[in-house]
Amino acid sequence: MTVTSVVPLSLALREGTRGEHETAERSGFVELLLSGALDRAAYADLAAQQLAIYRALELAASRLEDDGRLVFTELVRVPTIERDLAYLYGPGWRSHVRVLPATEAYVRRLEQTGGSLPLYAAHAYTRYLGDLSGGQIIKRMLQRHYGFTADGIAFYDFPEIHRLKPFKDVYRERLDALELDDEARATVVEEARHAFRLNAAVFGELGAVHVR
C-alpha cells in the first residue's frame, strides 16, 4: 500500500467538508429550533430521524471486519435515543414516530457502506464528532428554550466519557492512524461530504413539516 499524503486525515476531513458542514448547520430548521421558535414536537421528530440513522450506522459498525479502532461502546446512541423517544412520545412511541423520505435515503446509503472501513469512517466522523462538539451547543439551546433538563435529550449526554476534548483528540488520532492509501483517503473525504448533504436534506424536510 502506497501512502503519499502528509496531511492528517482528520484535518483533510475538516477542511474538505467545511462547505457542506456549514450548509447543514445553517438550515432553516436548525436555526429555528435553536432559536426557540419551534416546539418540542419538532425536536421529537428530529430524534425519530436520528434513531433511524444511528440504527443503520451502528449496524454498519458491527459488520466491519477491521474497525480501525474507531468503534467505541461509549459512543453507542441507539438505546439512548429510544429512551428519549419514550419520554417524548410516551410508552407507545414506536407507533407515533415516522421516518421521512430524506432519512430513508440516508439509511440506504449507510446500508450500502457494507464492510467498508473508509465509508464507515466518513459517516462515523460526521455523526459522532458532531455530537461531541456542536451537539453540546444544541443540548444547551434545547434546555434554554424548551425547558428540557435531562429527560428527552439524553442523546447529547456521554456519561462514559468524562472529558470530551481528550476523547475527541483520541478519535482524531485514530482516524489519522488508519492505513489508507491516497485513493481511500479521498473516498473518506468525499463520503463525508455526501453524509453532510444527506443530513442537510433531512433538515430540509423537517423544516418543511415544522414551519414557524
Foldseek 3Di string as FASTA:
>chain_A
DDADDDDFLVVCQCVLQVVLQVLLCPFPLNVCLLVLNFAVVLVLQVLLLVLLLLVLLVVLCVQAPDQLPLDDPLLRQNVVSVQLQCQSPNPVSVVVHDHDPLSVVSSVVSNVCGRPNLLSLLLCCLPRVCLLPVVVSSVVSCCVNHVDDCRNSVSSPRVVDPDSPVVVVVSSVSSRPDPDHPVSSVVSNVSNNVSSVSSSVVSVVSCVVGDD
